[in-house]
Amino acid sequence: MKNFKPYYAVIFTSTHTNHIKGYTEMASKMEELATQQKGFLGIDSAKNDVGITVSYWETLEDIKNWKQQRDHLVAQQKGISDWYSWYNVRICKVEREYDFKK
């Protein structure tokens, strides 16, 4: 078994409005910016009628710093004013993980 250190997952679940002009570009920019932040471990995303993006972080402090990052704050405000009709954020501690691959 590999050496495992617990980490945190931020689960962002959302639905869009009909006004998503600029959303795709901003989402790409935020993903790229997140990769440059201290404590960032990775990201998974799936979008259909409901979008789910999970980002992974070393500490709760790293998550707090990302939430307050200047460009991310701009994106959050744009999301509230234009792009999202609803969203939910969950922050979870990952104690264990495993996977399967053929």
PDB file of N, CA and C in Angstrom:
ATOM      1  N   MET A   1       0.845  -1.187   0.000  1.00  0.00           N
ATOM      2  CA  MET A   1       0.000   0.000   0.000  1.00  0.00           C
ATOM      3  C   MET A   1       0.882   1.239   0.000  1.00  0.00           C
ATOM      4  N   LYS A   2       0.532   2.195  -0.841  1.00  0.00           N
ATOM      5  CA  LYS A   2       1.328   3.410  -0.913  1.00  0.00           C
ATOM      6  C   LYS A   2       1.132   4.275   0.332  1.00  0.00           C
ATOM      7  N   ASN A   3       2.115   5.107   0.605  1.00  0.00           N
ATOM      8  CA  ASN A   3       2.039   6.030   1.728  1.00  0.00           C
ATOM      9  C   ASN A   3       0.943   7.050   1.434  1.00  0.00           C
ATOM     10  N   PHE A   4      -0.038   7.171   2.316  1.00  0.00           N
ATOM     11  CA  PHE A   4      -1.183   8.051   2.077  1.00  0.00           C
ATOM     12  C   PHE A   4      -1.281   9.114   3.151  1.00  0.00           C
ATOM     13  N   LYS A   5      -1.393  10.351   2.723  1.00  0.00           N
ATOM     14  CA  LYS A   5      -1.595  11.468   3.633  1.00  0.00           C
ATOM     15  C   LYS A   5      -2.972  12.066   3.331  1.00  0.00           C
ATOM     16  N   PRO A   6      -3.851  12.197   4.339  1.00  0.00           N
ATOM     17  CA  PRO A   6      -5.170  12.783   4.087  1.00  0.00           C
ATOM     18  C   PRO A   6      -5.051  14.170   3.443  1.00  0.00           C
ATOM     19  N   TYR A   7      -6.050  14.508   2.659  1.00  0.00           N
ATOM     20  CA  TYR A   7      -6.113  15.806   1.983  1.00  0.00           C
ATOM     21  C   TYR A   7      -7.572  16.224   1.906  1.00  0.00           C
ATOM     22  N   TYR A   8      -7.853  17.339   1.265  1.00  0.00           N
ATOM     23  CA  TYR A   8      -9.201  17.888   1.228  1.00  0.00           C
ATOM     24  C   TYR A   8      -9.725  17.987  -0.201  1.00  0.00           C
ATOM     25  N   ALA A   9     -11.031  17.806  -0.321  1.00  0.00           N
ATOM     26  CA  ALA A   9     -11.711  17.940  -1.604  1.00  0.00           C
ATOM     27  C   ALA A   9     -12.757  19.037  -1.488  1.00  0.00           C
ATOM     28  N   VAL A  10     -12.785  19.925  -2.465  1.00  0.00           N
ATOM     29  CA  VAL A  10     -13.829  20.944  -2.568  1.00  0.00           C
ATOM     30  C   VAL A  10     -14.726  20.493  -3.711  1.00  0.00           C
ATOM     31  N   ILE A  11     -15.970  20.186  -3.385  1.00  0.00           N
ATOM     32  CA  ILE A  11     -16.931  19.719  -4.374  1.00  0.00           C
ATOM     33  C   ILE A  11     -17.858  20.883  -4.712  1.00  0.00           C
ATOM     34  N   PHE A  12     -17.770  21.354  -5.954  1.00  0.00           N
ATOM     35  CA  PHE A  12     -18.570  22.480  -6.432  1.00  0.00           C
ATOM     36  C   PHE A  12     -19.588  21.927  -7.419  1.00  0.00           C
ATOM     37  N   THR A  13     -20.869  21.957  -7.032  1.00  0.00           N
ATOM     38  CA  THR A  13     -21.960  21.456  -7.855  1.00  0.00           C
ATOM     39  C   THR A  13     -22.803  22.655  -8.276  1.00  0.00           C
ATOM     40  N   SER A  14     -23.179  22.708  -9.566  1.00  0.00           N
ATOM     41  CA  SER A  14     -23.877  23.907 -10.036  1.00  0.00           C
ATOM     42  C   SER A  14     -24.797  23.625 -11.218  1.00  0.00           C
ATOM     43  N   THR A  15     -25.730  24.560 -11.412  1.00  0.00           N
ATOM     44  CA  THR A  15     -26.528  24.622 -12.636  1.00  0.00           C
ATOM     45  C   THR A  15     -26.360  26.023 -13.206  1.00  0.00           C
ATOM     46  N   HIS A  16     -26.412  26.105 -14.531  1.00  0.00           N
ATOM     47  CA  HIS A  16     -26.194  27.382 -15.216  1.00  0.00           C
ATOM     48  C   HIS A  16     -27.493  28.106 -15.550  1.00  0.00           C
ATOM     49  N   THR A  17     -27.353  29.403 -15.712  1.00  0.00           N
ATOM     50  CA  THR A  17     -28.414  30.212 -16.298  1.00  0.00           C
ATOM     51  C   THR A  17     -28.294  30.064 -17.820  1.00  0.00           C
ATOM     52  N   ASN A  18     -29.090  30.810 -18.546  1.00  0.00           N
ATOM     53  CA  ASN A  18     -28.986  30.833 -20.013  1.00  0.00           C
ATOM     54  C   ASN A  18     -27.947  31.841 -20.488  1.00  0.00           C
ATOM     55  N   HIS A  19     -27.313  32.563 -19.562  1.00  0.00           N
ATOM     56  CA  HIS A  19     -26.363  33.625 -19.906  1.00  0.00           C
ATOM     57  C   HIS A  19     -24.951  33.192 -19.533  1.00  0.00           C
ATOM     58  N   ILE A  20     -24.338  32.342 -20.364  1.00  0.00           N
ATOM     59  CA  ILE A  20     -23.029  31.788 -20.006  1.00  0.00           C
ATOM     60  C   ILE A  20     -21.899  32.315 -20.896  1.00  0.00           C
ATOM     61  N   LYS A  21     -22.146  33.424 -21.577  1.00  0.00           N
ATOM     62  CA  LYS A  21     -21.094  34.005 -22.411  1.00  0.00           C
ATOM     63  C   LYS A  21     -19.852  34.283 -21.553  1.00  0.00           C
ATOM     64  N   GLY A  22     -18.711  33.765 -21.996  1.00  0.00           N
ATOM     65  CA  GLY A  22     -17.454  33.965 -21.289  1.00  0.00           C
ATOM     66  C   GLY A  22     -17.164  32.919 -20.224  1.00  0.00           C
ATOM     67  N   TYR A  23     -18.137  32.062 -19.936  1.00  0.00           N
ATOM     68  CA  TYR A  23     -17.957  31.076 -18.862  1.00  0.00           C
ATOM     69  C   TYR A  23     -16.820  30.087 -19.161  1.00  0.00           C
ATOM     70  N   THR A  24     -16.825  29.513 -20.350  1.00  0.00           N
ATOM     71  CA  THR A  24     -15.832  28.497 -20.694  1.00  0.00           C
ATOM     72  C   THR A  24     -14.418  29.051 -20.586  1.00  0.00           C
ATOM     73  N   GLU A  25     -14.236  30.258 -21.065  1.00  0.00           N
ATOM     74  CA  GLU A  25     -12.918  30.888 -21.000  1.00  0.00           C
ATOM     75  C   GLU A  25     -12.489  31.126 -19.554  1.00  0.00           C
ATOM     76  N   MET A  26     -13.434  31.620 -18.739  1.00  0.00           N
ATOM     77  CA  MET A  26     -13.116  31.887 -17.334  1.00  0.00           C
ATOM     78  C   MET A  26     -12.833  30.581 -16.590  1.00  0.00           C
ATOM     79  N   ALA A  27     -13.598  29.536 -16.864  1.00  0.00           N
ATOM     80  CA  ALA A  27     -13.377  28.249 -16.203  1.00  0.00           C
ATOM     81  C   ALA A  27     -11.976  27.720 -16.523  1.00  0.00           C
ATOM     82  N   SER A  28     -11.570  27.835 -17.775  1.00  0.00           N
ATOM     83  CA  SER A  28     -10.220  27.396 -18.164  1.00  0.00           C
ATOM     84  C   SER A  28      -9.149  28.222 -17.459  1.00  0.00           C
ATOM     85  N   LYS A  29      -9.377  29.525 -17.395  1.00  0.00           N
ATOM     86  CA  LYS A  29      -8.430  30.421 -16.726  1.00  0.00           C
ATOM     87  C   LYS A  29      -8.324  30.083 -15.232  1.00  0.00           C
ATOM     88  N   MET A  30      -9.463  29.805 -14.585  1.00  0.00           N
ATOM     89  CA  MET A  30      -9.449  29.482 -13.155  1.00  0.00           C
ATOM     90  C   MET A  30      -8.764  28.145 -12.899  1.00  0.00           C
ATOM     91  N   GLU A  31      -8.975  27.175 -13.786  1.00  0.00           N
ATOM     92  CA  GLU A  31      -8.299  25.887 -13.611  1.00  0.00           C
ATOM     93  C   GLU A  31      -6.785  26.057 -13.727  1.00  0.00           C
ATOM     94  N   GLU A  32      -6.355  26.817 -14.709  1.00  0.00           N
ATOM     95  CA  GLU A  32      -4.916  27.076 -14.880  1.00  0.00           C
ATOM     96  C   GLU A  32      -4.356  27.825 -13.668  1.00  0.00           C
ATOM     97  N   LEU A  33      -5.078  28.820 -13.180  1.00  0.00           N
ATOM     98  CA  LEU A  33      -4.637  29.592 -12.028  1.00  0.00           C
ATOM     99  C   LEU A  33      -4.575  28.723 -10.772  1.00  0.00           C
ATOM    100  N   ALA A  34      -5.553  27.850 -10.605  1.00  0.00           N
ATOM    101  CA  ALA A  34      -5.580  26.968  -9.433  1.00  0.00           C
ATOM    102  C   ALA A  34      -4.330  26.096  -9.381  1.00  0.00           C
ATOM    103  N   THR A  35      -3.872  25.633 -10.547  1.00  0.00           N
ATOM    104  CA  THR A  35      -2.692  24.759 -10.574  1.00  0.00           C
ATOM    105  C   THR A  35      -1.445  25.472 -10.053  1.00  0.00           C
ATOM    106  N   GLN A  36      -1.466  26.792 -10.026  1.00  0.00           N
ATOM    107  CA  GLN A  36      -0.322  27.578  -9.576  1.00  0.00           C
ATOM    108  C   GLN A  36      -0.380  27.911  -8.079  1.00  0.00           C
ATOM    109  N   GLN A  37      -1.473  27.527  -7.414  1.00  0.00           N
ATOM    110  CA  GLN A  37      -1.659  27.881  -6.010  1.00  0.00           C
ATOM    111  C   GLN A  37      -0.996  26.868  -5.093  1.00  0.00           C
ATOM    112  N   LYS A  38      -0.501  27.359  -3.972  1.00  0.00           N
ATOM    113  CA  LYS A  38       0.098  26.495  -2.945  1.00  0.00           C
ATOM    114  C   LYS A  38      -0.948  25.472  -2.492  1.00  0.00           C
ATOM    115  N   GLY A  39      -0.533  24.224  -2.421  1.00  0.00           N
ATOM    116  CA  GLY A  39      -1.393  23.178  -1.890  1.00  0.00           C
ATOM    117  C   GLY A  39      -2.332  22.533  -2.886  1.00  0.00           C
ATOM    118  N   PHE A  40      -2.367  23.015  -4.128  1.00  0.00           N
ATOM    119  CA  PHE A  40      -3.251  22.429  -5.132  1.00  0.00           C
ATOM    120  C   PHE A  40      -2.734  21.045  -5.517  1.00  0.00           C
ATOM    121  N   LEU A  41      -3.650  20.053  -5.538  1.00  0.00           N
ATOM    122  CA  LEU A  41      -3.260  18.680  -5.848  1.00  0.00           C
ATOM    123  C   LEU A  41      -3.844  18.167  -7.158  1.00  0.00           C
ATOM    124  N   GLY A  42      -4.977  18.723  -7.602  1.00  0.00           N
ATOM    125  CA  GLY A  42      -5.592  18.242  -8.833  1.00  0.00           C
ATOM    126  C   GLY A  42      -7.038  18.668  -8.935  1.00  0.00           C
ATOM    127  N   ILE A  43      -7.658  18.267 -10.048  1.00  0.00           N
ATOM    128  CA  ILE A  43      -9.046  18.651 -10.295  1.00  0.00           C
ATOM    129  C   ILE A  43      -9.710  17.606 -11.184  1.00  0.00           C
ATOM    130  N   ASP A  44     -10.985  17.350 -10.939  1.00  0.00           N
ATOM    131  CA  ASP A  44     -11.835  16.509 -11.774  1.00  0.00           C
ATOM    132  C   ASP A  44     -13.106  17.292 -12.052  1.00  0.00           C
ATOM    133  N   SER A  45     -13.661  17.115 -13.255  1.00  0.00           N
ATOM    134  CA  SER A  45     -14.856  17.874 -13.594  1.00  0.00           C
ATOM    135  C   SER A  45     -15.739  17.076 -14.541  1.00  0.00           C
ATOM    136  N   ALA A  46     -17.046  17.189 -14.357  1.00  0.00           N
ATOM    137  CA  ALA A  46     -18.035  16.591 -15.252  1.00  0.00           C
ATOM    138  C   ALA A  46     -19.178  17.589 -15.395  1.00  0.00           C
ATOM    139  N   LYS A  47     -19.619  17.776 -16.624  1.00  0.00           N
ATOM    140  CA  LYS A  47     -20.684  18.752 -16.849  1.00  0.00           C
ATOM    141  C   LYS A  47     -21.737  18.155 -17.764  1.00  0.00           C
ATOM    142  N   ASN A  48     -22.969  18.332 -17.381  1.00  0.00           N
ATOM    143  CA  ASN A  48     -24.133  17.973 -18.170  1.00  0.00           C
ATOM    144  C   ASN A  48     -25.210  18.958 -17.761  1.00  0.00           C
ATOM    145  N   ASP A  49     -26.375  18.505 -17.343  1.00  0.00           N
ATOM    146  CA  ASP A  49     -27.376  19.427 -16.813  1.00  0.00           C
ATOM    147  C   ASP A  49     -26.904  20.048 -15.510  1.00  0.00           C
ATOM    148  N   VAL A  50     -26.178  19.247 -14.745  1.00  0.00           N
ATOM    149  CA  VAL A  50     -25.560  19.699 -13.497  1.00  0.00           C
ATOM    150  C   VAL A  50     -24.051  19.550 -13.657  1.00  0.00           C
ATOM    151  N   GLY A  51     -23.319  20.581 -13.296  1.00  0.00           N
ATOM    152  CA  GLY A  51     -21.869  20.511 -13.342  1.00  0.00           C
ATOM    153  C   GLY A  51     -21.317  20.157 -11.982  1.00  0.00           C
ATOM    154  N   ILE A  52     -20.299  19.309 -11.971  1.00  0.00           N
ATOM    155  CA  ILE A  52     -19.618  18.951 -10.729  1.00  0.00           C
ATOM    156  C   ILE A  52     -18.126  19.079 -10.964  1.00  0.00           C
ATOM    157  N   THR A  53     -17.498  19.926 -10.173  1.00  0.00           N
ATOM    158  CA  THR A  53     -16.053  20.079 -10.221  1.00  0.00           C
ATOM    159  C   THR A  53     -15.513  19.814  -8.825  1.00  0.00           C
ATOM    160  N   VAL A  54     -14.530  18.942  -8.749  1.00  0.00           N
ATOM    161  CA  VAL A  54     -13.899  18.621  -7.472  1.00  0.00           C
ATOM    162  C   VAL A  54     -12.435  19.012  -7.571  1.00  0.00           C
ATOM    163  N   SER A  55     -12.014  19.912  -6.696  1.00  0.00           N
ATOM    164  CA  SER A  55     -10.597  20.263  -6.629  1.00  0.00           C
ATOM    165  C   SER A  55     -10.035  19.701  -5.334  1.00  0.00           C
ATOM    166  N   TYR A  56      -8.750  19.364  -5.372  1.00  0.00           N
ATOM    167  CA  TYR A  56      -8.100  18.684  -4.256  1.00  0.00           C
ATOM    168  C   TYR A  56      -6.968  19.549  -3.722  1.00  0.00           C
ATOM    169  N   TRP A  57      -6.895  19.641  -2.380  1.00  0.00           N
ATOM    170  CA  TRP A  57      -5.968  20.552  -1.709  1.00  0.00           C
ATOM    171  C   TRP A  57      -5.308  19.881  -0.518  1.00  0.00           C
ATOM    172  N   GLU A  58      -4.111  20.319  -0.215  1.00  0.00           N
ATOM    173  CA  GLU A  58      -3.375  19.764   0.923  1.00  0.00           C
ATOM    174  C   GLU A  58      -3.994  20.147   2.263  1.00  0.00           C
ATOM    175  N   THR A  59      -4.413  21.423   2.418  1.00  0.00           N
ATOM    176  CA  THR A  59      -4.898  21.897   3.718  1.00  0.00           C
ATOM    177  C   THR A  59      -6.132  22.777   3.562  1.00  0.00           C
ATOM    178  N   LEU A  60      -6.837  22.962   4.669  1.00  0.00           N
ATOM    179  CA  LEU A  60      -7.965  23.896   4.689  1.00  0.00           C
ATOM    180  C   LEU A  60      -7.496  25.329   4.457  1.00  0.00           C
ATOM    181  N   GLU A  61      -6.315  25.648   4.939  1.00  0.00           N
ATOM    182  CA  GLU A  61      -5.741  26.987   4.722  1.00  0.00           C
ATOM    183  C   GLU A  61      -5.514  27.242   3.230  1.00  0.00           C
ATOM    184  N   ASP A  62      -5.048  26.235   2.506  1.00  0.00           N
ATOM    185  CA  ASP A  62      -4.859  26.375   1.062  1.00  0.00           C
ATOM    186  C   ASP A  62      -6.192  26.661   0.368  1.00  0.00           C
ATOM    187  N   ILE A  63      -7.249  25.990   0.806  1.00  0.00           N
ATOM    188  CA  ILE A  63      -8.589  26.219   0.241  1.00  0.00           C
ATOM    189  C   ILE A  63      -9.043  27.643   0.529  1.00  0.00           C
ATOM    190  N   LYS A  64      -8.850  28.084   1.754  1.00  0.00           N
ATOM    191  CA  LYS A  64      -9.232  29.446   2.140  1.00  0.00           C
ATOM    192  C   LYS A  64      -8.485  30.480   1.287  1.00  0.00           C
ATOM    193  N   ASN A  65      -7.198  30.257   1.087  1.00  0.00           N
ATOM    194  CA  ASN A  65      -6.403  31.190   0.281  1.00  0.00           C
ATOM    195  C   ASN A  65      -6.871  31.214  -1.171  1.00  0.00           C
ATOM    196  N   TRP A  66      -7.218  30.053  -1.715  1.00  0.00           N
ATOM    197  CA  TRP A  66      -7.728  30.002  -3.089  1.00  0.00           C
ATOM    198  C   TRP A  66      -9.054  30.752  -3.202  1.00  0.00           C
ATOM    199  N   LYS A  67      -9.941  30.563  -2.237  1.00  0.00           N
ATOM    200  CA  LYS A  67     -11.235  31.264  -2.270  1.00  0.00           C
ATOM    201  C   LYS A  67     -11.046  32.778  -2.266  1.00  0.00           C
ATOM    202  N   GLN A  68     -10.012  33.265  -1.598  1.00  0.00           N
ATOM    203  CA  GLN A  68      -9.765  34.702  -1.487  1.00  0.00           C
ATOM    204  C   GLN A  68      -8.805  35.245  -2.545  1.00  0.00           C
ATOM    205  N   GLN A  69      -8.325  34.398  -3.447  1.00  0.00           N
ATOM    206  CA  GLN A  69      -7.404  34.847  -4.489  1.00  0.00           C
ATOM    207  C   GLN A  69      -8.111  35.878  -5.373  1.00  0.00           C
ATOM    208  N   ARG A  70      -7.439  36.968  -5.685  1.00  0.00           N
ATOM    209  CA  ARG A  70      -8.030  38.130  -6.365  1.00  0.00           C
ATOM    210  C   ARG A  70      -8.785  37.776  -7.648  1.00  0.00           C
ATOM    211  N   ASP A  71      -8.158  37.069  -8.573  1.00  0.00           N
ATOM    212  CA  ASP A  71      -8.816  36.727  -9.835  1.00  0.00           C
ATOM    213  C   ASP A  71      -9.963  35.748  -9.623  1.00  0.00           C
ATOM    214  N   HIS A  72      -9.803  34.871  -8.650  1.00  0.00           N
ATOM    215  CA  HIS A  72     -10.868  33.917  -8.332  1.00  0.00           C
ATOM    216  C   HIS A  72     -12.080  34.643  -7.754  1.00  0.00           C
ATOM    217  N   LEU A  73     -11.854  35.679  -6.965  1.00  0.00           N
ATOM    218  CA  LEU A  73     -12.968  36.484  -6.440  1.00  0.00           C
ATOM    219  C   LEU A  73     -13.769  37.123  -7.576  1.00  0.00           C
ATOM    220  N   VAL A  74     -13.080  37.609  -8.607  1.00  0.00           N
ATOM    221  CA  VAL A  74     -13.756  38.198  -9.775  1.00  0.00           C
ATOM    222  C   VAL A  74     -14.621  37.136 -10.451  1.00  0.00           C
ATOM    223  N   ALA A  75     -14.073  35.946 -10.640  1.00  0.00           N
ATOM    224  CA  ALA A  75     -14.818  34.853 -11.271  1.00  0.00           C
ATOM    225  C   ALA A  75     -16.028  34.455 -10.425  1.00  0.00           C
ATOM    226  N   GLN A  76     -15.866  34.439  -9.112  1.00  0.00           N
ATOM    227  CA  GLN A  76     -16.984  34.094  -8.232  1.00  0.00           C
ATOM    228  C   GLN A  76     -18.127  35.097  -8.386  1.00  0.00           C
ATOM    229  N   GLN A  77     -17.796  36.367  -8.418  1.00  0.00           N
ATOM    230  CA  GLN A  77     -18.828  37.405  -8.576  1.00  0.00           C
ATOM    231  C   GLN A  77     -19.531  37.306  -9.916  1.00  0.00           C
ATOM    232  N   LYS A  78     -18.775  37.036 -10.974  1.00  0.00           N
ATOM    233  CA  LYS A  78     -19.361  36.868 -12.302  1.00  0.00           C
ATOM    234  C   LYS A  78     -20.286  35.651 -12.316  1.00  0.00           C
ATOM    235  N   GLY A  79     -19.879  34.598 -11.637  1.00  0.00           N
ATOM    236  CA  GLY A  79     -20.720  33.408 -11.537  1.00  0.00           C
ATOM    237  C   GLY A  79     -22.044  33.706 -10.858  1.00  0.00           C
ATOM    238  N   ILE A  80     -22.001  34.456  -9.773  1.00  0.00           N
ATOM    239  CA  ILE A  80     -23.215  34.809  -9.039  1.00  0.00           C
ATOM    240  C   ILE A  80     -24.115  35.731  -9.868  1.00  0.00           C
ATOM    241  N   SER A  81     -23.511  36.713 -10.531  1.00  0.00           N
ATOM    242  CA  SER A  81     -24.316  37.694 -11.269  1.00  0.00           C
ATOM    243  C   SER A  81     -24.837  37.167 -12.601  1.00  0.00           C
ATOM    244  N   ASP A  82     -24.094  36.251 -13.254  1.00  0.00           N
ATOM    245  CA  ASP A  82     -24.468  35.867 -14.617  1.00  0.00           C
ATOM    246  C   ASP A  82     -24.624  34.365 -14.863  1.00  0.00           C
ATOM    247  N   TRP A  83     -23.668  33.567 -14.457  1.00  0.00           N
ATOM    248  CA  TRP A  83     -23.567  32.200 -14.961  1.00  0.00           C
ATOM    249  C   TRP A  83     -24.330  31.142 -14.197  1.00  0.00           C
ATOM    250  N   TYR A  84     -24.477  31.269 -12.883  1.00  0.00           N
ATOM    251  CA  TYR A  84     -25.083  30.199 -12.095  1.00  0.00           C
ATOM    252  C   TYR A  84     -26.494  30.552 -11.654  1.00  0.00           C
ATOM    253  N   SER A  85     -27.394  29.567 -11.824  1.00  0.00           N
ATOM    254  CA  SER A  85     -28.724  29.719 -11.242  1.00  0.00           C
ATOM    255  C   SER A  85     -28.745  29.109  -9.840  1.00  0.00           C
ATOM    256  N   TRP A  86     -27.790  28.220  -9.589  1.00  0.00           N
ATOM    257  CA  TRP A  86     -27.654  27.568  -8.279  1.00  0.00           C
ATOM    258  C   TRP A  86     -26.266  26.961  -8.180  1.00  0.00           C
ATOM    259  N   TYR A  87     -25.712  26.973  -6.970  1.00  0.00           N
ATOM    260  CA  TYR A  87     -24.506  26.182  -6.714  1.00  0.00           C
ATOM    261  C   TYR A  87     -24.432  25.782  -5.253  1.00  0.00           C
ATOM    262  N   ASN A  88     -23.625  24.772  -5.002  1.00  0.00           N
ATOM    263  CA  ASN A  88     -23.407  24.258  -3.664  1.00  0.00           C
ATOM    264  C   ASN A  88     -21.929  23.913  -3.551  1.00  0.00           C
ATOM    265  N   VAL A  89     -21.336  24.227  -2.405  1.00  0.00           N
ATOM    266  CA  VAL A  89     -19.930  23.912  -2.160  1.00  0.00           C
ATOM    267  C   VAL A  89     -19.848  23.029  -0.925  1.00  0.00           C
ATOM    268  N   ARG A  90     -19.135  21.927  -1.070  1.00  0.00           N
ATOM    269  CA  ARG A  90     -18.880  21.031   0.054  1.00  0.00           C
ATOM    270  C   ARG A  90     -17.369  20.872   0.183  1.00  0.00           C
ATOM    271  N   ILE A  91     -16.878  20.918   1.411  1.00  0.00           N
ATOM    272  CA  ILE A  91     -15.448  20.721   1.665  1.00  0.00           C
ATOM    273  C   ILE A  91     -15.328  19.489   2.554  1.00  0.00           C
ATOM    274  N   CYS A  92     -14.582  18.509   2.064  1.00  0.00           N
ATOM    275  CA  CYS A  92     -14.496  17.213   2.728  1.00  0.00           C
ATOM    276  C   CYS A  92     -13.041  16.815   2.944  1.00  0.00           C
ATOM    277  N   LYS A  93     -12.803  16.095   4.007  1.00  0.00           N
ATOM    278  CA  LYS A  93     -11.485  15.525   4.244  1.00  0.00           C
ATOM    279  C   LYS A  93     -11.462  14.109   3.660  1.00  0.00           C
ATOM    280  N   VAL A  94     -10.475  13.828   2.847  1.00  0.00           N
ATOM    281  CA  VAL A  94     -10.315  12.507   2.244  1.00  0.00           C
ATOM    282  C   VAL A  94      -9.363  11.715   3.135  1.00  0.00           C
ATOM    283  N   GLU A  95      -9.893  10.679   3.747  1.00  0.00           N
ATOM    284  CA  GLU A  95      -9.120   9.853   4.677  1.00  0.00           C
ATOM    285  C   GLU A  95      -8.480   8.650   3.999  1.00  0.00           C
ATOM    286  N   ARG A  96      -9.075   8.229   2.883  1.00  0.00           N
ATOM    287  CA  ARG A  96      -8.614   7.032   2.210  1.00  0.00           C
ATOM    288  C   ARG A  96      -9.059   7.110   0.763  1.00  0.00           C
ATOM    289  N   GLU A  97      -8.315   6.458  -0.114  1.00  0.00           N
ATOM    290  CA  GLU A  97      -8.720   6.389  -1.513  1.00  0.00           C
ATOM    291  C   GLU A  97      -8.213   5.092  -2.127  1.00  0.00           C
ATOM    292  N   TYR A  98      -8.879   4.680  -3.172  1.00  0.00           N
ATOM    293  CA  TYR A  98      -8.408   3.554  -3.971  1.00  0.00           C
ATOM    294  C   TYR A  98      -9.004   3.700  -5.353  1.00  0.00           C
ATOM    295  N   ASP A  99      -8.448   2.985  -6.329  1.00  0.00           N
ATOM    296  CA  ASP A  99      -8.964   3.068  -7.690  1.00  0.00           C
ATOM    297  C   ASP A  99      -8.835   1.720  -8.377  1.00  0.00           C
ATOM    298  N   PHE A 100      -9.397   1.657  -9.541  1.00  0.00           N
ATOM    299  CA  PHE A 100      -9.355   0.476 -10.394  1.00  0.00           C
ATOM    300  C   PHE A 100      -9.004   0.944 -11.807  1.00  0.00           C
ATOM    301  N   LYS A 101      -8.173   0.175 -12.495  1.00  0.00           N
ATOM    302  CA  LYS A 101      -7.813   0.534 -13.854  1.00  0.00           C
ATOM    303  C   LYS A 101      -7.521  -0.736 -14.633  1.00  0.00           C
ATOM    304  N   LYS A 102      -8.130  -0.883 -15.796  1.00  0.00           N
ATOM    305  CA  LYS A 102      -7.825  -2.025 -16.689  1.00  0.00           C
ATOM    306  C   LYS A 102      -6.691  -1.677 -17.590  1.00  0.00           C
TER     307      LYS A 102
END
